[in-house]
Amino acid sequence: MRSVLGILFLAAASSATPFVGEVTVLTSASAPGILSTSSALWLLDFYAPWCGHCKKLAPVLDQVAAEIKLGGERAPPLAIGTVDATVHKELASEHSVKGYPTLLAYRDGEYTKYQGGRSREAILEWAQRMSGPAVQEAASAEAFAQKLPKGGVGFVLVGGAEEERAAYSTFAKANQAKMTFAAAPGAGAQLCKAEPSEPAVCAAFDGGGIGAFVAANEMPLVTPISSETFGTFTGGPKPLVLVSLPGGTLGGKEEAVRELARGSGDFAFGTVDYSRFKSWVEGFGEVKGGEGYAAWIWDKKNEMYYPAGGGWEAEGLGGLGEALGAFKAGGLEGFKYEQKRPKSGVMGAVDLFKDNLPWSLLVLVPFGLVFVMVFVLDDGSEQVAKKAEGAAEGEGEGEAKKDK
């Protein structure tokens, strides 16, 4: 009897939130009916079977679904749907899918572009954020910061009148998919950036300028550069301080770098894994470093970069602090940053061939095979044919002599 009741209970629970905690294969025929009748938050993955990034994402989505199925406080009500965009082209075209994978969020009839990371933790954090209110309640900015994951950033309105809170709430609802927002009691009105283990960064708030404050503070104090963070990090308004290290981790220098970053609010700090981004780092030609160690300032807006000290292999920060001071005073030598642009026509093809040696030689292999087949083998076949013809003639003459 208990087992029957247990089965009925599980069936009722699953029917209350169908598809949650599962990866559901969607088609052009099934997707409209399933999504339109679902109250769940959906993450939709439009993929191509041959896509490498899609293959890497698939097991991550399975892990997310499994964790949600098991439950727990970090298990939001998320359903995951996958669509083979190479088969269901009409559905993919309807949602302007042009690359793979394309991730969309769906809830209550609305589709939005998924703007989070592609790791298990990032997807769960996004789903948790989206499943709750746009503005969470917090005791203070510092208390809210400790609830954020490591490397996470959130924003807190401390105090504020009704009109200011309304403006903040409107902005939070429009940006809930990207960021975490909270409100805390307090005198006056301040808008604060919250980050674990860091003091809050606050500014007076009058209901306006939320977007500018968020854009200037949406990244962590020190950002590890990756394919997911690169666009946001380099698209901000501040000059960038970049530190290249083997493995991308600061190790024993982390606290010294963070202390420098705390006192250098005019800059955005980031670390680069040299082993992953070697070619990009070496694109800053005058930045010198041994075994992947280097530091420089990148003024992306003015397309200039400035080597900022060396000696990262040794103790200390290799003169980075002094270089930042010299940059602000206009006394640091800079160089024009020029991304290599391909030439057109024949010269472009020649440059492309030279830049990719020795692998570009593989392009010549098919032409070599054609040459061998057309000239060498064909010539050899002709010689064999002539020999055969001569042998036949000789044999014929021999037969004629016998007849005589």
Protein backbone atom coordinates (compact mmCIF):
# COMPACT_ATOMS: atom_id res chain seq x y z
CA MET A 1 0.00 0.00 0.00
CA ARG A 2 2.82 2.38 0.87
CA SER A 3 4.56 1.73 -2.42
CA VAL A 4 1.32 2.45 -4.28
CA LEU A 5 0.83 5.69 -2.37
CA GLY A 6 4.47 6.60 -3.02
CA ILE A 7 4.04 6.05 -6.73
CA LEU A 8 0.87 8.15 -6.74
CA PHE A 9 2.63 10.91 -4.83
CA LEU A 10 5.55 10.98 -7.27
CA ALA A 11 3.17 10.96 -10.20
CA ALA A 12 1.24 13.89 -8.73
CA ALA A 13 4.45 15.82 -8.05
CA SER A 14 5.78 15.24 -11.55
CA SER A 15 2.45 16.17 -13.14
CA ALA A 16 2.43 19.43 -11.16
CA THR A 17 5.69 20.47 -12.83
CA PRO A 18 6.00 18.41 -16.03
CA PHE A 19 9.38 18.41 -17.83
CA VAL A 20 11.17 20.07 -14.87
CA GLY A 21 14.47 18.32 -14.16
CA GLU A 22 14.46 16.63 -17.57
CA VAL A 23 16.09 17.13 -20.95
CA THR A 24 13.24 16.99 -23.46
CA VAL A 25 13.80 16.56 -27.19
CA LEU A 26 11.65 19.12 -29.00
CA THR A 27 10.61 19.14 -32.64
CA SER A 28 8.84 21.59 -34.91
CA ALA A 29 5.65 19.62 -34.27
CA SER A 30 5.95 19.17 -30.50
CA ALA A 31 7.55 22.41 -29.30
CA PRO A 32 4.56 24.79 -29.67
CA GLY A 33 2.18 22.54 -27.73
CA ILE A 34 4.64 21.65 -24.96
CA LEU A 35 5.89 25.18 -24.35
CA SER A 36 2.53 26.95 -24.57
CA THR A 37 1.04 24.72 -21.87
CA SER A 38 4.06 24.77 -19.53
CA SER A 39 4.40 27.12 -16.58
CA ALA A 40 8.07 26.25 -16.09
CA LEU A 41 11.16 28.26 -16.96
CA TRP A 42 12.79 26.65 -20.03
CA LEU A 43 16.32 26.69 -21.35
CA LEU A 44 16.21 25.84 -25.06
CA ASP A 45 19.32 24.49 -26.80
CA PHE A 46 19.34 24.74 -30.61
CA TYR A 47 22.24 22.56 -31.73
CA ALA A 48 23.85 20.85 -34.72
CA PRO A 49 25.05 17.22 -34.36
CA TRP A 50 28.48 18.03 -35.85
CA CYS A 51 29.08 21.12 -33.64
CA GLY A 52 31.98 20.70 -31.19
CA HIS A 53 30.69 23.27 -28.69
CA CYS A 54 27.28 21.59 -28.78
CA LYS A 55 28.86 18.24 -27.92
CA LYS A 56 30.59 19.82 -24.91
CA LEU A 57 27.36 21.46 -23.74
CA ALA A 58 25.19 18.34 -23.94
CA PRO A 59 26.62 16.55 -20.85
CA VAL A 60 26.48 19.83 -18.91
CA LEU A 61 22.75 20.07 -19.57
CA ASP A 62 22.35 16.46 -18.45
CA GLN A 63 24.16 17.30 -15.20
CA VAL A 64 21.94 20.35 -14.61
CA ALA A 65 18.80 18.28 -15.18
CA ALA A 66 20.03 15.55 -12.84
CA GLU A 67 20.79 18.04 -10.06
CA ILE A 68 17.38 19.66 -10.40
CA LYS A 69 15.75 16.22 -10.34
CA LEU A 70 17.48 15.43 -7.05
CA GLY A 71 16.23 18.66 -5.53
CA GLY A 72 17.95 20.82 -2.93
CA GLU A 73 18.05 24.52 -2.22
CA ARG A 74 20.01 25.27 -5.40
CA ALA A 75 17.54 23.36 -7.58
CA PRO A 76 15.21 25.83 -9.31
CA PRO A 77 12.19 24.65 -11.36
CA LEU A 78 13.97 24.55 -14.73
CA ALA A 79 13.05 22.50 -17.80
CA ILE A 80 15.55 21.93 -20.59
CA GLY A 81 14.63 21.44 -24.24
CA THR A 82 16.93 20.48 -27.12
CA VAL A 83 16.25 21.08 -30.80
CA ASP A 84 18.29 19.66 -33.68
CA ALA A 85 18.37 22.82 -35.77
CA THR A 86 19.67 20.97 -38.83
CA VAL A 87 16.49 18.87 -38.92
CA HIS A 88 13.89 21.29 -37.57
CA LYS A 89 14.95 24.20 -39.72
CA GLU A 90 11.58 25.94 -39.64
CA LEU A 91 11.62 26.14 -35.83
CA ALA A 92 15.24 27.33 -35.85
CA SER A 93 14.47 29.97 -38.47
CA GLU A 94 11.48 31.18 -36.45
CA HIS A 95 13.89 32.03 -33.62
CA SER A 96 16.63 33.47 -35.88
CA VAL A 97 19.10 30.69 -35.07
CA LYS A 98 22.24 31.35 -37.09
CA GLY A 99 24.98 29.70 -35.01
CA TYR A 100 25.35 26.67 -32.76
CA PRO A 101 24.63 26.25 -30.02
CA THR A 102 22.00 28.99 -29.66
CA LEU A 103 20.48 29.14 -26.17
CA LEU A 104 17.13 30.78 -25.52
CA ALA A 105 15.11 31.23 -22.34
CA TYR A 106 11.34 30.74 -22.46
CA ARG A 107 8.67 31.51 -19.90
CA ASP A 108 5.01 32.50 -20.15
CA GLY A 109 5.04 32.90 -23.92
CA GLU A 110 8.19 35.05 -24.07
CA TYR A 111 11.52 34.07 -25.62
CA THR A 112 14.73 35.86 -24.62
CA LYS A 113 18.37 35.28 -25.40
CA TYR A 114 20.17 33.32 -22.68
CA GLN A 115 22.96 35.54 -21.37
CA GLY A 116 24.65 33.36 -18.77
CA GLY A 117 27.65 31.07 -18.79
CA ARG A 118 27.65 27.48 -20.06
CA SER A 119 28.98 25.71 -17.00
CA ARG A 120 26.75 23.69 -14.69
CA GLU A 121 27.18 26.25 -11.92
CA ALA A 122 26.43 29.21 -14.20
CA ILE A 123 23.24 27.67 -15.59
CA LEU A 124 21.98 26.75 -12.12
CA GLU A 125 22.77 30.24 -10.83
CA TRP A 126 20.88 31.79 -13.75
CA ALA A 127 17.88 29.52 -13.22
CA GLN A 128 17.86 30.26 -9.51
CA ARG A 129 17.93 33.98 -10.22
CA MET A 130 15.17 33.77 -12.82
CA SER A 131 12.91 31.64 -10.63
CA GLY A 132 12.83 34.23 -7.84
CA PRO A 133 11.81 37.89 -7.64
CA ALA A 134 13.75 40.44 -9.70
CA VAL A 135 14.67 42.30 -6.50
CA GLN A 136 15.55 40.15 -3.49
CA GLU A 137 15.44 41.30 0.12
CA ALA A 138 18.74 41.75 1.97
CA ALA A 139 19.81 42.95 5.40
CA SER A 140 22.72 44.92 3.92
CA ALA A 141 24.98 45.03 0.88
CA GLU A 142 27.69 43.12 2.78
CA ALA A 143 25.27 40.39 3.89
CA PHE A 144 23.95 40.01 0.35
CA ALA A 145 27.50 39.71 -1.02
CA GLN A 146 28.17 36.62 1.07
CA LYS A 147 25.22 34.83 -0.57
CA LEU A 148 26.71 35.28 -4.03
CA PRO A 149 28.90 32.56 -5.58
CA LYS A 150 32.67 33.10 -5.76
CA GLY A 151 33.41 35.57 -8.54
CA GLY A 152 29.77 36.67 -8.61
CA VAL A 153 28.60 40.28 -8.62
CA GLY A 154 25.25 41.70 -7.50
CA PHE A 155 23.71 45.11 -6.97
CA VAL A 156 21.91 46.42 -3.90
CA LEU A 157 19.78 49.51 -3.44
CA VAL A 158 20.24 50.66 0.15
CA GLY A 159 17.41 52.88 1.35
CA GLY A 160 15.62 54.97 -1.22
CA ALA A 161 12.19 56.56 -1.48
CA GLU A 162 9.25 54.93 -3.25
CA GLU A 163 10.01 56.60 -6.58
CA GLU A 164 13.67 55.53 -6.49
CA ARG A 165 12.74 51.96 -5.58
CA ALA A 166 10.25 51.83 -8.46
CA ALA A 167 12.93 52.92 -10.96
CA TYR A 168 15.34 50.35 -9.53
CA SER A 169 12.73 47.59 -9.70
CA THR A 170 11.96 48.37 -13.36
CA PHE A 171 15.66 48.14 -14.27
CA ALA A 172 16.08 44.91 -12.29
CA LYS A 173 13.16 43.22 -14.06
CA ALA A 174 14.60 44.15 -17.47
CA ASN A 175 18.04 42.78 -16.54
CA GLN A 176 17.20 39.84 -14.29
CA ALA A 177 18.55 37.36 -16.82
CA LYS A 178 22.03 38.91 -16.61
CA MET A 179 22.44 40.13 -13.02
CA THR A 180 21.32 39.73 -9.44
CA PHE A 181 19.56 42.59 -7.63
CA ALA A 182 18.54 43.19 -4.03
CA ALA A 183 17.22 45.97 -1.81
CA ALA A 184 18.25 46.67 1.79
CA PRO A 185 17.00 49.13 4.42
CA GLY A 186 19.05 52.23 5.14
CA ALA A 187 19.11 56.00 5.38
CA GLY A 188 19.24 58.07 2.21
CA ALA A 189 19.69 56.20 -1.06
CA GLN A 190 22.78 54.40 -2.28
CA LEU A 191 23.37 52.01 -5.17
CA CYS A 192 26.04 49.44 -4.26
CA LYS A 193 28.05 46.75 -6.01
CA ALA A 194 28.26 43.59 -3.90
CA GLU A 195 30.99 40.95 -4.31
CA PRO A 196 32.02 38.14 -1.94
CA SER A 197 34.96 39.00 0.37
CA GLU A 198 35.11 42.57 -0.96
CA PRO A 199 33.85 45.82 0.56
CA ALA A 200 30.75 47.25 -1.12
CA VAL A 201 31.30 49.92 -3.76
CA CYS A 202 28.52 52.50 -3.40
CA ALA A 203 27.35 55.74 -5.01
CA ALA A 204 24.53 58.15 -4.25
CA PHE A 205 21.31 57.24 -6.08
CA ASP A 206 18.53 59.55 -7.22
CA GLY A 207 16.60 57.18 -9.46
CA GLY A 208 18.73 57.71 -12.57
CA GLY A 209 22.07 56.51 -13.87
CA ILE A 210 21.49 52.86 -12.94
CA GLY A 211 22.69 51.58 -16.30
CA ALA A 212 25.93 53.56 -16.18
CA PHE A 213 26.72 52.39 -12.64
CA VAL A 214 26.00 48.76 -13.51
CA ALA A 215 28.07 48.90 -16.72
CA ALA A 216 31.05 50.29 -14.79
CA ASN A 217 30.81 47.70 -12.01
CA GLU A 218 29.33 44.50 -13.47
CA MET A 219 32.63 42.60 -13.49
CA PRO A 220 34.43 41.22 -10.41
CA LEU A 221 37.35 43.14 -8.89
CA VAL A 222 39.71 40.85 -10.82
CA THR A 223 38.15 39.01 -13.77
CA PRO A 224 39.52 35.70 -15.10
CA ILE A 225 39.38 36.15 -18.89
CA SER A 226 37.47 33.42 -20.73
CA SER A 227 35.32 33.13 -23.82
CA GLU A 228 32.31 33.92 -21.61
CA THR A 229 33.75 37.01 -19.86
CA PHE A 230 35.84 38.50 -22.69
CA GLY A 231 33.09 40.50 -24.39
CA THR A 232 31.71 42.08 -21.22
CA PHE A 233 35.14 42.73 -19.74
CA THR A 234 36.61 44.39 -22.83
CA GLY A 235 33.39 46.27 -23.61
CA GLY A 236 33.43 48.34 -20.42
CA PRO A 237 34.37 52.02 -20.20
CA LYS A 238 37.58 51.63 -18.15
CA PRO A 239 41.16 51.02 -19.34
CA LEU A 240 42.04 47.37 -18.82
CA VAL A 241 44.91 46.06 -16.71
CA LEU A 242 45.80 42.61 -18.00
CA VAL A 243 48.08 40.13 -16.29
CA SER A 244 49.21 37.06 -18.25
CA LEU A 245 50.32 34.03 -16.25
CA PRO A 246 50.81 30.32 -16.93
CA GLY A 247 47.50 28.74 -15.96
CA GLY A 248 45.91 32.16 -15.44
CA THR A 249 45.98 31.94 -11.62
CA LEU A 250 47.67 34.58 -9.49
CA GLY A 251 48.71 32.16 -6.76
CA GLY A 252 50.60 33.93 -3.99
CA LYS A 253 50.28 37.27 -5.78
CA GLU A 254 46.46 37.29 -5.69
CA GLU A 255 46.00 39.42 -2.58
CA ALA A 256 48.62 41.94 -3.74
CA VAL A 257 46.86 42.29 -7.10
CA ARG A 258 43.44 42.61 -5.44
CA GLU A 259 44.80 45.27 -3.08
CA LEU A 260 46.14 47.21 -6.06
CA ALA A 261 42.80 46.84 -7.85
CA ARG A 262 40.89 48.12 -4.80
CA GLY A 263 42.88 51.33 -4.90
CA SER A 264 42.69 51.68 -8.70
CA GLY A 265 38.99 52.15 -9.38
CA ASP A 266 39.73 53.85 -12.71
CA PHE A 267 40.89 50.51 -14.15
CA ALA A 268 39.37 47.07 -14.72
CA PHE A 269 41.69 44.19 -13.80
CA GLY A 270 41.79 40.82 -15.55
CA THR A 271 43.95 37.71 -15.59
CA VAL A 272 44.83 35.80 -18.77
CA ASP A 273 45.72 32.13 -19.03
CA TYR A 274 48.76 32.34 -21.32
CA SER A 275 48.55 28.69 -22.31
CA ARG A 276 45.02 29.24 -23.68
CA PHE A 277 45.39 32.73 -25.13
CA LYS A 278 49.04 32.70 -26.23
CA SER A 279 48.43 34.00 -29.75
CA TRP A 280 46.21 36.82 -28.47
CA VAL A 281 48.76 37.88 -25.83
CA GLU A 282 51.53 37.85 -28.42
CA GLY A 283 49.39 40.12 -30.58
CA PHE A 284 50.46 42.89 -28.19
CA GLY A 285 53.91 42.85 -29.79
CA GLU A 286 55.78 45.05 -27.31
CA VAL A 287 54.51 43.17 -24.26
CA LYS A 288 57.45 41.05 -23.13
CA GLY A 289 57.33 38.31 -20.58
CA GLY A 290 59.18 35.12 -19.84
CA GLU A 291 57.30 31.83 -19.86
CA GLY A 292 53.95 33.54 -20.21
CA TYR A 293 54.41 36.18 -17.48
CA ALA A 294 53.47 39.70 -18.61
CA ALA A 295 51.39 42.74 -17.62
CA TRP A 296 50.05 45.60 -19.69
CA ILE A 297 47.37 48.29 -19.88
CA TRP A 298 44.98 48.18 -22.82
CA ASP A 299 43.19 51.40 -23.69
CA LYS A 300 40.75 49.74 -26.06
CA LYS A 301 38.81 52.92 -26.76
CA ASN A 302 41.90 54.63 -28.21
CA GLU A 303 43.41 51.40 -29.60
CA MET A 304 46.59 51.78 -27.55
CA TYR A 305 48.42 49.43 -25.20
CA TYR A 306 51.14 50.06 -22.64
CA PRO A 307 53.61 47.46 -21.31
CA ALA A 308 53.31 47.74 -17.54
CA GLY A 309 56.35 46.38 -15.79
CA GLY A 310 58.03 43.01 -15.91
CA GLY A 311 59.64 40.55 -13.60
CA TRP A 312 56.44 38.76 -12.67
CA GLU A 313 58.46 35.59 -12.18
CA ALA A 314 60.06 37.22 -9.12
CA GLU A 315 58.48 38.52 -5.93
CA GLY A 316 56.17 41.54 -5.99
CA LEU A 317 54.18 42.88 -8.91
CA GLY A 318 57.03 43.82 -11.20
CA GLY A 319 56.42 47.59 -11.04
CA LEU A 320 52.75 47.35 -12.06
CA GLY A 321 51.60 49.92 -9.49
CA GLU A 322 54.19 52.44 -10.70
CA ALA A 323 53.14 51.80 -14.30
CA LEU A 324 49.50 52.61 -13.47
CA GLY A 325 50.58 55.90 -11.92
CA ALA A 326 52.71 56.74 -14.97
CA PHE A 327 49.79 55.92 -17.28
CA LYS A 328 47.46 58.28 -15.44
CA ALA A 329 50.12 60.99 -15.55
CA GLY A 330 50.62 60.47 -19.29
CA GLY A 331 54.22 59.34 -18.87
CA LEU A 332 53.99 55.69 -19.89
CA GLU A 333 55.18 54.70 -23.35
CA GLY A 334 52.37 53.32 -25.45
CA PHE A 335 51.99 51.49 -28.74
CA LYS A 336 49.25 51.34 -31.33
CA TYR A 337 47.21 48.17 -31.06
CA GLU A 338 46.44 46.88 -34.51
CA GLN A 339 44.55 43.68 -35.01
CA LYS A 340 45.86 41.92 -38.06
CA ARG A 341 43.36 42.32 -40.85
CA PRO A 342 43.45 40.00 -43.85
CA LYS A 343 44.34 41.47 -47.22
CA SER A 344 42.13 40.84 -50.19
CA GLY A 345 42.92 39.18 -53.49
CA VAL A 346 46.12 37.31 -54.35
CA MET A 347 48.27 39.02 -51.68
CA GLY A 348 45.74 38.10 -49.03
CA ALA A 349 45.94 34.47 -50.09
CA VAL A 350 49.76 34.59 -50.07
CA ASP A 351 49.83 36.12 -46.57
CA LEU A 352 47.35 33.54 -45.31
CA PHE A 353 49.51 30.75 -46.74
CA LYS A 354 52.70 32.15 -45.14
CA ASP A 355 51.09 32.78 -41.76
CA ASN A 356 49.92 29.19 -41.49
CA LEU A 357 53.09 27.36 -42.49
CA PRO A 358 53.83 24.44 -42.29
CA TRP A 359 50.17 23.31 -42.10
CA SER A 360 49.21 25.32 -45.16
CA LEU A 361 51.40 22.97 -47.22
CA LEU A 362 48.64 20.40 -46.79
CA VAL A 363 46.59 22.46 -49.23
CA LEU A 364 49.05 21.45 -51.96
CA VAL A 365 48.59 17.72 -51.36
CA PRO A 366 45.48 17.36 -53.60
CA PHE A 367 47.25 19.25 -56.41
CA GLY A 368 50.29 16.96 -56.03
CA LEU A 369 48.10 13.88 -56.28
CA VAL A 370 46.42 15.23 -59.40
CA PHE A 371 49.85 15.97 -60.92
CA VAL A 372 51.05 12.43 -60.21
CA MET A 373 47.89 10.89 -61.63
CA VAL A 374 47.79 13.03 -64.76
CA PHE A 375 51.45 13.24 -65.70
CA VAL A 376 53.49 10.61 -63.91
CA LEU A 377 51.03 7.72 -63.89
CA ASP A 378 49.64 8.65 -67.28
CA ASP A 379 53.16 8.80 -68.74
CA GLY A 380 54.00 5.50 -67.10
CA SER A 381 50.84 3.93 -68.49
CA GLU A 382 51.76 5.18 -71.93
CA GLN A 383 55.22 3.59 -71.65
CA VAL A 384 53.71 0.31 -70.48
CA ALA A 385 51.29 0.41 -73.40
CA LYS A 386 54.17 0.99 -75.84
CA LYS A 387 56.11 -1.93 -74.38
CA ALA A 388 53.05 -4.12 -74.60
CA GLU A 389 52.49 -3.00 -78.16
CA GLY A 390 56.14 -3.74 -79.03
CA ALA A 391 55.92 -7.14 -77.39
CA ALA A 392 52.79 -7.89 -79.34
CA GLU A 393 54.47 -6.88 -82.60
CA GLY A 394 57.49 -9.04 -81.79
CA GLU A 395 55.24 -11.96 -80.99
CA GLY A 396 53.40 -11.42 -84.24
CA GLU A 397 56.65 -11.43 -86.26
CA GLY A 398 57.71 -14.64 -84.53
CA GLU A 399 54.45 -16.34 -85.46
CA ALA A 400 54.87 -15.17 -89.06
CA LYS A 401 58.37 -16.74 -89.25
CA LYS A 402 56.98 -20.03 -87.97
CA ASP A 403 54.32 -20.04 -90.66
CA LYS A 404 56.96 -19.68 -93.31
